[in-house]
Amino acid sequence: MTALDPQAPARADATPAPERPFRRVLRDFAKSPVAMIGLALLLVIVLAALLAPLITPQNPYDLRSLNIMDSRLAPGEVGFTGASYLLGTDGQGRDMFSAILYGLRISLGVGLVACTAALLIGLTLGLVAAYFGGRTDTLVMRLVDLHLSFPPILVALILLAVLGRGVDKIVIALIVVQWATFARMARATALSERKREYVEAAQSLGLSRARILFGHLLPNCLPPLMVLYTVEIASAIALEATLSFLGVGLPATQPSLGLLISNGFRFVLSGQYWISLFPGLALLLLIVAINLVGDRLRDVLNPRNIT
């Protein structure tokens, strides 16, 4: 039997094919039961929010479906129209189960849109600052340092006082609040990658700066930014809920979780706890689920743990 015989058995010392990075990430992520619970909880919440129009008995935005006679009903109580409310109703007669799922849609949408836009802005500025250096780096980082010297909620409050209330206004405020965090992380990661051999090889080949930035530096800067992205989504949702609770976020016609908590806060002392309790629990579960996924991604994507 010759070495070229196709029927020859494989050599025992043959080097196995390298495992793909995406599969390795999935395999390492699945090793943590806590992270898998968080991921399952997050998927359930997102799916319930997306299917809210199909699985909720009431549209809380439609004033024609509300009945003031059904206001502040306890969980499980039957309303004036004969409908049973699983989680009770609020002061306007809205079904709390329906209001929470619709509120989750707004909270998730605001957090995702704002963080995605902030990531794109911060990533671009951070890469440009790290690659070009000099005055460009100094200018960008002085803006970042100045921005991060102010509390995020203060910046958001000032912007909303100027812009007014609304979904688009609060998204703009969150983008302004969060872009600097992504810019600093992107710059720090790009600085460590800028002097590597693959960048020097791309420069010696005469590739354009845009191709080096977004074709070579960008893919190697994404893992830590994806971890930060998940954490900042939870922060954006929490900040939006805080602003809506204070009455400067979303209008009453678009109740997010923070606004739902605010609407029931004045009824807590009278024993009608469910109006604030259930939206608060939904907000807590959402943020905890995102943070569990983000914490596990931080461990999995850590270069020191890559073998």
C-alpha atoms as a PDB file:
ATOM      1  CA  MET A   1       0.000   0.000   0.000  1.00  0.00           C
ATOM      2  CA  THR A   2       1.592   3.292  -1.110  1.00  0.00           C
ATOM      3  CA  ALA A   3       1.326   6.741   0.453  1.00  0.00           C
ATOM      4  CA  LEU A   4      -0.749   7.888  -2.527  1.00  0.00           C
ATOM      5  CA  ASP A   5      -3.312   5.114  -2.155  1.00  0.00           C
ATOM      6  CA  PRO A   6      -6.730   6.826  -1.547  1.00  0.00           C
ATOM      7  CA  GLN A   7      -7.767   3.802   0.498  1.00  0.00           C
ATOM      8  CA  ALA A   8      -4.904   4.276   2.935  1.00  0.00           C
ATOM      9  CA  PRO A   9      -5.996   5.072   6.493  1.00  0.00           C
ATOM     10  CA  ALA A  10      -5.423   8.566   7.813  1.00  0.00           C
ATOM     11  CA  ARG A  11      -2.226   9.095   9.763  1.00  0.00           C
ATOM     12  CA  ALA A  12      -2.628   9.099  13.521  1.00  0.00           C
ATOM     13  CA  ASP A  13      -0.578  12.259  13.852  1.00  0.00           C
ATOM     14  CA  ALA A  14      -2.592  14.224  11.272  1.00  0.00           C
ATOM     15  CA  THR A  15      -3.395  17.759  12.430  1.00  0.00           C
ATOM     16  CA  PRO A  16      -7.141  18.274  12.892  1.00  0.00           C
ATOM     17  CA  ALA A  17      -8.842  21.123  11.085  1.00  0.00           C
ATOM     18  CA  PRO A  18      -8.992  24.307  13.194  1.00  0.00           C
ATOM     19  CA  GLU A  19     -12.309  25.053  14.799  1.00  0.00           C
ATOM     20  CA  ARG A  20     -14.168  28.046  13.437  1.00  0.00           C
ATOM     21  CA  PRO A  21     -14.270  31.058  15.799  1.00  0.00           C
ATOM     22  CA  PHE A  22     -18.066  31.305  15.711  1.00  0.00           C
ATOM     23  CA  ARG A  23     -18.478  27.663  16.682  1.00  0.00           C
ATOM     24  CA  ARG A  24     -15.920  28.059  19.451  1.00  0.00           C
ATOM     25  CA  VAL A  25     -17.833  31.042  20.836  1.00  0.00           C
ATOM     26  CA  LEU A  26     -21.091  29.093  20.810  1.00  0.00           C
ATOM     27  CA  ARG A  27     -19.464  26.078  22.438  1.00  0.00           C
ATOM     28  CA  ASP A  28     -17.825  28.137  25.190  1.00  0.00           C
ATOM     29  CA  PHE A  29     -20.970  30.177  25.751  1.00  0.00           C
ATOM     30  CA  ALA A  30     -23.077  27.039  26.206  1.00  0.00           C
ATOM     31  CA  LYS A  31     -20.777  25.808  28.988  1.00  0.00           C
ATOM     32  CA  SER A  32     -22.334  28.278  31.434  1.00  0.00           C
ATOM     33  CA  PRO A  33     -25.815  27.233  32.660  1.00  0.00           C
ATOM     34  CA  VAL A  34     -26.426  30.717  34.067  1.00  0.00           C
ATOM     35  CA  ALA A  35     -25.661  32.331  30.715  1.00  0.00           C
ATOM     36  CA  MET A  36     -27.946  29.886  28.918  1.00  0.00           C
ATOM     37  CA  ILE A  37     -30.754  30.712  31.349  1.00  0.00           C
ATOM     38  CA  GLY A  38     -30.178  34.397  30.670  1.00  0.00           C
ATOM     39  CA  LEU A  39     -30.179  33.813  26.920  1.00  0.00           C
ATOM     40  CA  ALA A  40     -33.384  31.754  27.096  1.00  0.00           C
ATOM     41  CA  LEU A  41     -35.061  34.430  29.232  1.00  0.00           C
ATOM     42  CA  LEU A  42     -33.945  37.156  26.816  1.00  0.00           C
ATOM     43  CA  LEU A  43     -35.263  35.238  23.817  1.00  0.00           C
ATOM     44  CA  VAL A  44     -38.628  34.709  25.528  1.00  0.00           C
ATOM     45  CA  ILE A  45     -38.898  38.421  26.363  1.00  0.00           C
ATOM     46  CA  VAL A  46     -37.942  39.521  22.852  1.00  0.00           C
ATOM     47  CA  LEU A  47     -40.320  37.025  21.238  1.00  0.00           C
ATOM     48  CA  ALA A  48     -43.184  38.079  23.517  1.00  0.00           C
ATOM     49  CA  ALA A  49     -42.540  41.734  22.690  1.00  0.00           C
ATOM     50  CA  LEU A  50     -42.484  41.070  18.949  1.00  0.00           C
ATOM     51  CA  LEU A  51     -45.694  39.039  19.092  1.00  0.00           C
ATOM     52  CA  ALA A  52     -47.475  41.463  21.410  1.00  0.00           C
ATOM     53  CA  PRO A  53     -50.215  42.399  18.900  1.00  0.00           C
ATOM     54  CA  LEU A  54     -51.043  38.699  18.482  1.00  0.00           C
ATOM     55  CA  ILE A  55     -50.959  37.451  22.083  1.00  0.00           C
ATOM     56  CA  THR A  56     -52.341  40.399  24.035  1.00  0.00           C
ATOM     57  CA  PRO A  57     -56.087  40.787  24.632  1.00  0.00           C
ATOM     58  CA  GLN A  58     -55.955  44.574  24.303  1.00  0.00           C
ATOM     59  CA  ASN A  59     -54.112  47.319  22.455  1.00  0.00           C
ATOM     60  CA  PRO A  60     -53.172  49.807  25.201  1.00  0.00           C
ATOM     61  CA  TYR A  61     -52.649  52.538  22.588  1.00  0.00           C
ATOM     62  CA  ASP A  62     -56.233  52.284  21.311  1.00  0.00           C
ATOM     63  CA  LEU A  63     -58.418  54.492  23.496  1.00  0.00           C
ATOM     64  CA  ARG A  64     -61.530  52.785  22.119  1.00  0.00           C
ATOM     65  CA  SER A  65     -60.512  49.517  23.796  1.00  0.00           C
ATOM     66  CA  LEU A  66     -60.199  51.120  27.242  1.00  0.00           C
ATOM     67  CA  ASN A  67     -62.987  51.329  29.790  1.00  0.00           C
ATOM     68  CA  ILE A  68     -62.609  53.637  32.775  1.00  0.00           C
ATOM     69  CA  MET A  69     -64.924  51.330  34.743  1.00  0.00           C
ATOM     70  CA  ASP A  70     -62.151  48.720  34.623  1.00  0.00           C
ATOM     71  CA  SER A  71     -59.507  50.961  36.157  1.00  0.00           C
ATOM     72  CA  ARG A  72     -57.276  49.668  38.974  1.00  0.00           C
ATOM     73  CA  LEU A  73     -58.647  46.132  39.024  1.00  0.00           C
ATOM     74  CA  ALA A  74     -56.621  43.601  41.030  1.00  0.00           C
ATOM     75  CA  PRO A  75     -54.842  40.707  39.252  1.00  0.00           C
ATOM     76  CA  GLY A  76     -57.320  38.046  38.144  1.00  0.00           C
ATOM     77  CA  GLU A  77     -60.357  40.237  38.743  1.00  0.00           C
ATOM     78  CA  VAL A  78     -63.196  40.328  36.206  1.00  0.00           C
ATOM     79  CA  GLY A  79     -63.877  43.723  34.669  1.00  0.00           C
ATOM     80  CA  PHE A  80     -67.045  45.621  33.815  1.00  0.00           C
ATOM     81  CA  THR A  81     -67.058  44.137  30.316  1.00  0.00           C
ATOM     82  CA  GLY A  82     -66.687  40.575  31.625  1.00  0.00           C
ATOM     83  CA  ALA A  83     -63.027  40.248  30.691  1.00  0.00           C
ATOM     84  CA  SER A  84     -60.582  38.754  33.202  1.00  0.00           C
ATOM     85  CA  TYR A  85     -57.326  40.637  33.686  1.00  0.00           C
ATOM     86  CA  LEU A  86     -54.405  38.353  34.552  1.00  0.00           C
ATOM     87  CA  LEU A  87     -52.165  41.113  35.945  1.00  0.00           C
ATOM     88  CA  GLY A  88     -54.882  43.634  36.751  1.00  0.00           C
ATOM     89  CA  THR A  89     -55.366  47.080  35.201  1.00  0.00           C
ATOM     90  CA  ASP A  90     -53.875  50.535  35.701  1.00  0.00           C
ATOM     91  CA  GLY A  91     -55.585  53.826  36.465  1.00  0.00           C
ATOM     92  CA  GLN A  92     -56.785  54.227  32.868  1.00  0.00           C
ATOM     93  CA  GLY A  93     -58.262  50.748  32.608  1.00  0.00           C
ATOM     94  CA  ARG A  94     -55.428  49.322  30.544  1.00  0.00           C
ATOM     95  CA  ASP A  95     -54.702  45.619  30.844  1.00  0.00           C
ATOM     96  CA  MET A  96     -51.310  45.428  32.560  1.00  0.00           C
ATOM     97  CA  PHE A  97     -50.240  42.302  30.666  1.00  0.00           C
ATOM     98  CA  SER A  98     -50.865  44.044  27.346  1.00  0.00           C
ATOM     99  CA  ALA A  99     -49.283  47.298  28.497  1.00  0.00           C
ATOM    100  CA  ILE A 100     -46.132  45.502  29.681  1.00  0.00           C
ATOM    101  CA  LEU A 101     -45.598  43.649  26.397  1.00  0.00           C
ATOM    102  CA  TYR A 102     -46.146  46.819  24.374  1.00  0.00           C
ATOM    103  CA  GLY A 103     -43.872  48.671  26.788  1.00  0.00           C
ATOM    104  CA  LEU A 104     -41.189  46.038  26.244  1.00  0.00           C
ATOM    105  CA  ARG A 105     -41.362  46.701  22.514  1.00  0.00           C
ATOM    106  CA  ILE A 106     -40.688  50.402  23.048  1.00  0.00           C
ATOM    107  CA  SER A 107     -37.938  49.859  25.619  1.00  0.00           C
ATOM    108  CA  LEU A 108     -36.150  47.271  23.480  1.00  0.00           C
ATOM    109  CA  GLY A 109     -36.548  49.324  20.315  1.00  0.00           C
ATOM    110  CA  VAL A 110     -35.206  52.486  21.915  1.00  0.00           C
ATOM    111  CA  GLY A 111     -32.246  50.654  23.445  1.00  0.00           C
ATOM    112  CA  LEU A 112     -31.309  48.799  20.246  1.00  0.00           C
ATOM    113  CA  VAL A 113     -31.616  51.778  17.898  1.00  0.00           C
ATOM    114  CA  ALA A 114     -29.790  54.187  20.201  1.00  0.00           C
ATOM    115  CA  CYS A 115     -26.946  51.765  21.008  1.00  0.00           C
ATOM    116  CA  THR A 116     -26.490  50.723  17.381  1.00  0.00           C
ATOM    117  CA  ALA A 117     -26.207  54.343  16.231  1.00  0.00           C
ATOM    118  CA  ALA A 118     -23.886  55.204  19.140  1.00  0.00           C
ATOM    119  CA  LEU A 119     -21.730  52.158  18.313  1.00  0.00           C
ATOM    120  CA  LEU A 120     -21.358  53.204  14.670  1.00  0.00           C
ATOM    121  CA  ILE A 121     -20.443  56.789  15.571  1.00  0.00           C
ATOM    122  CA  GLY A 122     -18.084  55.873  18.389  1.00  0.00           C
ATOM    123  CA  LEU A 123     -16.446  53.042  16.454  1.00  0.00           C
ATOM    124  CA  THR A 124     -15.723  55.282  13.467  1.00  0.00           C
ATOM    125  CA  LEU A 125     -14.278  58.092  15.570  1.00  0.00           C
ATOM    126  CA  GLY A 126     -12.232  55.690  17.703  1.00  0.00           C
ATOM    127  CA  LEU A 127     -10.702  53.944  14.679  1.00  0.00           C
ATOM    128  CA  VAL A 128      -9.880  57.237  12.982  1.00  0.00           C
ATOM    129  CA  ALA A 129      -8.297  58.642  16.155  1.00  0.00           C
ATOM    130  CA  ALA A 130      -6.153  55.537  16.735  1.00  0.00           C
ATOM    131  CA  TYR A 131      -5.025  55.146  13.132  1.00  0.00           C
ATOM    132  CA  PHE A 132      -4.149  58.755  12.286  1.00  0.00           C
ATOM    133  CA  GLY A 133      -2.955  59.804  15.749  1.00  0.00           C
ATOM    134  CA  GLY A 134      -1.516  63.275  16.277  1.00  0.00           C
ATOM    135  CA  ARG A 135      -3.929  66.185  16.309  1.00  0.00           C
ATOM    136  CA  THR A 136      -6.819  64.014  15.174  1.00  0.00           C
ATOM    137  CA  ASP A 137      -6.370  61.690  18.136  1.00  0.00           C
ATOM    138  CA  THR A 138      -5.966  64.614  20.532  1.00  0.00           C
ATOM    139  CA  LEU A 139      -9.105  66.367  19.282  1.00  0.00           C
ATOM    140  CA  VAL A 140     -11.290  63.256  19.413  1.00  0.00           C
ATOM    141  CA  MET A 141     -10.087  62.184  22.844  1.00  0.00           C
ATOM    142  CA  ARG A 142     -10.474  65.653  24.344  1.00  0.00           C
ATOM    143  CA  LEU A 143     -14.090  65.607  23.153  1.00  0.00           C
ATOM    144  CA  VAL A 144     -14.531  62.146  24.651  1.00  0.00           C
ATOM    145  CA  ASP A 145     -12.972  63.176  27.968  1.00  0.00           C
ATOM    146  CA  LEU A 146     -15.120  66.318  28.115  1.00  0.00           C
ATOM    147  CA  HIS A 147     -18.252  64.338  27.341  1.00  0.00           C
ATOM    148  CA  LEU A 148     -17.548  61.619  29.902  1.00  0.00           C
ATOM    149  CA  SER A 149     -16.921  64.197  32.629  1.00  0.00           C
ATOM    150  CA  PHE A 150     -20.668  64.879  32.845  1.00  0.00           C
ATOM    151  CA  PRO A 151     -23.172  62.406  34.355  1.00  0.00           C
ATOM    152  CA  PRO A 152     -25.149  60.677  31.573  1.00  0.00           C
ATOM    153  CA  ILE A 153     -28.529  61.420  33.117  1.00  0.00           C
ATOM    154  CA  LEU A 154     -27.669  65.128  33.356  1.00  0.00           C
ATOM    155  CA  VAL A 155     -26.760  65.280  29.672  1.00  0.00           C
ATOM    156  CA  ALA A 156     -29.963  63.444  28.755  1.00  0.00           C
ATOM    157  CA  LEU A 157     -32.113  65.737  30.914  1.00  0.00           C
ATOM    158  CA  ILE A 158     -30.634  68.860  29.311  1.00  0.00           C
ATOM    159  CA  LEU A 159     -31.150  67.507  25.800  1.00  0.00           C
ATOM    160  CA  LEU A 160     -34.731  66.457  26.460  1.00  0.00           C
ATOM    161  CA  ALA A 161     -35.470  69.844  28.020  1.00  0.00           C
ATOM    162  CA  VAL A 162     -34.428  71.393  24.685  1.00  0.00           C
ATOM    163  CA  LEU A 163     -35.802  68.756  22.291  1.00  0.00           C
ATOM    164  CA  GLY A 164     -39.018  67.836  24.109  1.00  0.00           C
ATOM    165  CA  ARG A 165     -40.642  64.447  24.628  1.00  0.00           C
ATOM    166  CA  GLY A 166     -40.956  61.636  22.109  1.00  0.00           C
ATOM    167  CA  VAL A 167     -39.377  58.404  20.948  1.00  0.00           C
ATOM    168  CA  ASP A 168     -37.119  60.118  18.411  1.00  0.00           C
ATOM    169  CA  LYS A 169     -36.044  62.728  20.974  1.00  0.00           C
ATOM    170  CA  ILE A 170     -35.048  60.171  23.591  1.00  0.00           C
ATOM    171  CA  VAL A 171     -33.178  58.107  20.980  1.00  0.00           C
ATOM    172  CA  ILE A 172     -31.148  61.191  20.048  1.00  0.00           C
ATOM    173  CA  ALA A 173     -30.442  61.868  23.726  1.00  0.00           C
ATOM    174  CA  LEU A 174     -29.242  58.297  24.308  1.00  0.00           C
ATOM    175  CA  ILE A 175     -26.992  58.414  21.225  1.00  0.00           C
ATOM    176  CA  VAL A 176     -25.364  61.596  22.491  1.00  0.00           C
ATOM    177  CA  VAL A 177     -24.937  60.036  25.929  1.00  0.00           C
ATOM    178  CA  GLN A 178     -23.353  56.764  24.742  1.00  0.00           C
ATOM    179  CA  TRP A 179     -21.168  57.453  21.689  1.00  0.00           C
ATOM    180  CA  ALA A 180     -18.146  58.521  23.758  1.00  0.00           C
ATOM    181  CA  THR A 181     -17.975  55.204  25.608  1.00  0.00           C
ATOM    182  CA  PHE A 182     -17.771  53.291  22.317  1.00  0.00           C
ATOM    183  CA  ALA A 183     -15.208  55.760  20.937  1.00  0.00           C
ATOM    184  CA  ARG A 184     -12.864  55.250  23.879  1.00  0.00           C
ATOM    185  CA  MET A 185     -13.127  51.465  23.716  1.00  0.00           C
ATOM    186  CA  ALA A 186     -12.622  51.439  19.916  1.00  0.00           C
ATOM    187  CA  ARG A 187      -9.546  53.666  20.169  1.00  0.00           C
ATOM    188  CA  ALA A 188      -7.972  51.580  22.923  1.00  0.00           C
ATOM    189  CA  THR A 189      -8.503  48.370  20.966  1.00  0.00           C
ATOM    190  CA  ALA A 190      -7.328  49.865  17.660  1.00  0.00           C
ATOM    191  CA  LEU A 191      -4.134  51.211  19.253  1.00  0.00           C
ATOM    192  CA  SER A 192      -3.126  47.690  20.253  1.00  0.00           C
ATOM    193  CA  GLU A 193      -3.854  46.407  16.735  1.00  0.00           C
ATOM    194  CA  ARG A 194      -2.340  49.266  14.721  1.00  0.00           C
ATOM    195  CA  LYS A 195       1.281  48.102  15.030  1.00  0.00           C
ATOM    196  CA  ARG A 196       0.622  44.452  14.214  1.00  0.00           C
ATOM    197  CA  GLU A 197       2.115  42.774  11.184  1.00  0.00           C
ATOM    198  CA  TYR A 198      -1.095  42.526   9.167  1.00  0.00           C
ATOM    199  CA  VAL A 199      -1.572  46.319   9.301  1.00  0.00           C
ATOM    200  CA  GLU A 200       2.017  46.968   8.266  1.00  0.00           C
ATOM    201  CA  ALA A 201       1.639  44.442   5.440  1.00  0.00           C
ATOM    202  CA  ALA A 202      -1.532  46.170   4.232  1.00  0.00           C
ATOM    203  CA  GLN A 203       0.246  49.535   4.289  1.00  0.00           C
ATOM    204  CA  SER A 204       3.226  48.167   2.359  1.00  0.00           C
ATOM    205  CA  LEU A 205       0.852  46.819  -0.297  1.00  0.00           C
ATOM    206  CA  GLY A 206      -0.491  50.322  -0.813  1.00  0.00           C
ATOM    207  CA  LEU A 207      -4.046  49.652   0.345  1.00  0.00           C
ATOM    208  CA  SER A 208      -6.228  52.683   0.974  1.00  0.00           C
ATOM    209  CA  ARG A 209      -6.667  54.008   4.490  1.00  0.00           C
ATOM    210  CA  ALA A 210     -10.392  53.283   4.400  1.00  0.00           C
ATOM    211  CA  ARG A 211      -9.739  49.655   3.454  1.00  0.00           C
ATOM    212  CA  ILE A 212      -7.157  49.251   6.215  1.00  0.00           C
ATOM    213  CA  LEU A 213      -9.471  50.857   8.777  1.00  0.00           C
ATOM    214  CA  PHE A 214     -12.669  49.006   7.959  1.00  0.00           C
ATOM    215  CA  GLY A 215     -11.299  45.882   6.290  1.00  0.00           C
ATOM    216  CA  HIS A 216      -8.462  45.019   8.677  1.00  0.00           C
ATOM    217  CA  LEU A 217      -8.661  46.973  11.929  1.00  0.00           C
ATOM    218  CA  LEU A 218     -12.442  46.857  12.304  1.00  0.00           C
ATOM    219  CA  PRO A 219     -12.898  43.032  12.391  1.00  0.00           C
ATOM    220  CA  ASN A 220     -10.235  42.707  15.100  1.00  0.00           C
ATOM    221  CA  CYS A 221     -11.771  45.476  17.219  1.00  0.00           C
ATOM    222  CA  LEU A 222     -15.310  44.091  17.196  1.00  0.00           C
ATOM    223  CA  PRO A 223     -15.188  41.390  19.947  1.00  0.00           C
ATOM    224  CA  PRO A 224     -14.679  43.744  22.936  1.00  0.00           C
ATOM    225  CA  LEU A 225     -17.079  46.252  21.391  1.00  0.00           C
ATOM    226  CA  MET A 226     -19.786  43.590  21.112  1.00  0.00           C
ATOM    227  CA  VAL A 227     -19.456  42.931  24.827  1.00  0.00           C
ATOM    228  CA  LEU A 228     -19.736  46.659  25.540  1.00  0.00           C
ATOM    229  CA  TYR A 229     -22.681  46.833  23.147  1.00  0.00           C
ATOM    230  CA  THR A 230     -24.747  44.364  25.178  1.00  0.00           C
ATOM    231  CA  VAL A 231     -23.942  46.174  28.424  1.00  0.00           C
ATOM    232  CA  GLU A 232     -24.821  49.562  26.930  1.00  0.00           C
ATOM    233  CA  ILE A 233     -28.165  48.251  25.650  1.00  0.00           C
ATOM    234  CA  ALA A 234     -29.113  47.411  29.232  1.00  0.00           C
ATOM    235  CA  SER A 235     -27.859  50.844  30.356  1.00  0.00           C
ATOM    236  CA  ALA A 236     -29.874  52.584  27.638  1.00  0.00           C
ATOM    237  CA  ILE A 237     -33.052  50.726  28.611  1.00  0.00           C
ATOM    238  CA  ALA A 238     -32.518  51.587  32.266  1.00  0.00           C
ATOM    239  CA  LEU A 239     -31.801  55.245  31.464  1.00  0.00           C
ATOM    240  CA  GLU A 240     -34.869  55.518  29.250  1.00  0.00           C
ATOM    241  CA  ALA A 241     -36.983  54.011  32.027  1.00  0.00           C
ATOM    242  CA  THR A 242     -35.539  56.511  34.503  1.00  0.00           C
ATOM    243  CA  LEU A 243     -36.240  59.472  32.229  1.00  0.00           C
ATOM    244  CA  SER A 244     -39.780  58.281  31.516  1.00  0.00           C
ATOM    245  CA  PHE A 245     -40.344  57.716  35.239  1.00  0.00           C
ATOM    246  CA  LEU A 246     -39.295  61.339  35.842  1.00  0.00           C
ATOM    247  CA  GLY A 247     -41.790  62.490  33.219  1.00  0.00           C
ATOM    248  CA  VAL A 248     -39.326  63.819  30.634  1.00  0.00           C
ATOM    249  CA  GLY A 249     -39.040  60.752  28.394  1.00  0.00           C
ATOM    250  CA  LEU A 250     -41.876  59.263  26.405  1.00  0.00           C
ATOM    251  CA  PRO A 251     -45.394  60.727  26.228  1.00  0.00           C
ATOM    252  CA  ALA A 252     -48.342  59.090  27.950  1.00  0.00           C
ATOM    253  CA  THR A 253     -49.652  57.803  24.608  1.00  0.00           C
ATOM    254  CA  GLN A 254     -46.545  55.596  24.225  1.00  0.00           C
ATOM    255  CA  PRO A 255     -46.122  53.924  27.621  1.00  0.00           C
ATOM    256  CA  SER A 256     -42.716  52.336  28.098  1.00  0.00           C
ATOM    257  CA  LEU A 257     -41.887  50.306  31.184  1.00  0.00           C
ATOM    258  CA  GLY A 258     -40.581  53.374  33.004  1.00  0.00           C
ATOM    259  CA  LEU A 259     -43.764  55.312  32.337  1.00  0.00           C
ATOM    260  CA  LEU A 260     -45.904  52.370  33.451  1.00  0.00           C
ATOM    261  CA  ILE A 261     -43.985  52.256  36.741  1.00  0.00           C
ATOM    262  CA  SER A 262     -44.454  55.993  37.141  1.00  0.00           C
ATOM    263  CA  ASN A 263     -48.211  55.777  36.479  1.00  0.00           C
ATOM    264  CA  GLY A 264     -48.690  53.301  39.320  1.00  0.00           C
ATOM    265  CA  PHE A 265     -46.278  54.837  41.800  1.00  0.00           C
ATOM    266  CA  ARG A 266     -48.903  57.092  43.357  1.00  0.00           C
ATOM    267  CA  PHE A 267     -51.190  54.101  43.975  1.00  0.00           C
ATOM    268  CA  VAL A 268     -48.629  51.975  45.849  1.00  0.00           C
ATOM    269  CA  LEU A 269     -49.474  53.341  49.301  1.00  0.00           C
ATOM    270  CA  SER A 270     -53.162  52.661  48.721  1.00  0.00           C
ATOM    271  CA  GLY A 271     -52.421  48.944  48.244  1.00  0.00           C
ATOM    272  CA  GLN A 272     -52.648  48.829  44.444  1.00  0.00           C
ATOM    273  CA  TYR A 273     -49.089  47.602  44.110  1.00  0.00           C
ATOM    274  CA  TRP A 274     -49.505  45.663  40.854  1.00  0.00           C
ATOM    275  CA  ILE A 275     -49.606  48.780  38.671  1.00  0.00           C
ATOM    276  CA  SER A 276     -45.924  49.444  39.391  1.00  0.00           C
ATOM    277  CA  LEU A 277     -44.771  46.000  40.527  1.00  0.00           C
ATOM    278  CA  PHE A 278     -45.279  44.004  37.334  1.00  0.00           C
ATOM    279  CA  PRO A 279     -43.695  46.556  34.947  1.00  0.00           C
ATOM    280  CA  GLY A 280     -40.818  46.846  37.409  1.00  0.00           C
ATOM    281  CA  LEU A 281     -40.318  43.079  37.428  1.00  0.00           C
ATOM    282  CA  ALA A 282     -40.415  43.001  33.626  1.00  0.00           C
ATOM    283  CA  LEU A 283     -37.774  45.736  33.458  1.00  0.00           C
ATOM    284  CA  LEU A 284     -35.637  43.922  36.030  1.00  0.00           C
ATOM    285  CA  LEU A 285     -35.814  40.594  34.193  1.00  0.00           C
ATOM    286  CA  LEU A 286     -34.942  42.257  30.875  1.00  0.00           C
ATOM    287  CA  ILE A 287     -31.862  44.033  32.249  1.00  0.00           C
ATOM    288  CA  VAL A 288     -30.698  40.964  34.187  1.00  0.00           C
ATOM    289  CA  ALA A 289     -31.048  38.736  31.107  1.00  0.00           C
ATOM    290  CA  ILE A 290     -29.029  41.160  28.945  1.00  0.00           C
ATOM    291  CA  ASN A 291     -26.324  41.482  31.585  1.00  0.00           C
ATOM    292  CA  LEU A 292     -26.035  37.693  31.999  1.00  0.00           C
ATOM    293  CA  VAL A 293     -25.493  37.320  28.256  1.00  0.00           C
ATOM    294  CA  GLY A 294     -23.030  40.217  28.218  1.00  0.00           C
ATOM    295  CA  ASP A 295     -21.023  38.860  31.146  1.00  0.00           C
ATOM    296  CA  ARG A 296     -20.640  35.485  29.462  1.00  0.00           C
ATOM    297  CA  LEU A 297     -19.648  37.095  26.156  1.00  0.00           C
ATOM    298  CA  ARG A 298     -16.978  39.058  28.020  1.00  0.00           C
ATOM    299  CA  ASP A 299     -15.458  35.798  29.276  1.00  0.00           C
ATOM    300  CA  VAL A 300     -15.789  33.967  25.965  1.00  0.00           C
ATOM    301  CA  LEU A 301     -14.365  36.775  23.819  1.00  0.00           C
ATOM    302  CA  ASN A 302     -11.497  37.553  26.179  1.00  0.00           C
ATOM    303  CA  PRO A 303      -8.277  36.955  24.153  1.00  0.00           C
ATOM    304  CA  ARG A 304      -6.577  35.454  27.232  1.00  0.00           C
ATOM    305  CA  ASN A 305      -9.155  32.643  27.238  1.00  0.00           C
ATOM    306  CA  ILE A 306      -8.691  31.770  23.578  1.00  0.00           C
ATOM    307  CA  THR A 307      -6.645  28.621  23.189  1.00  0.00           C
END
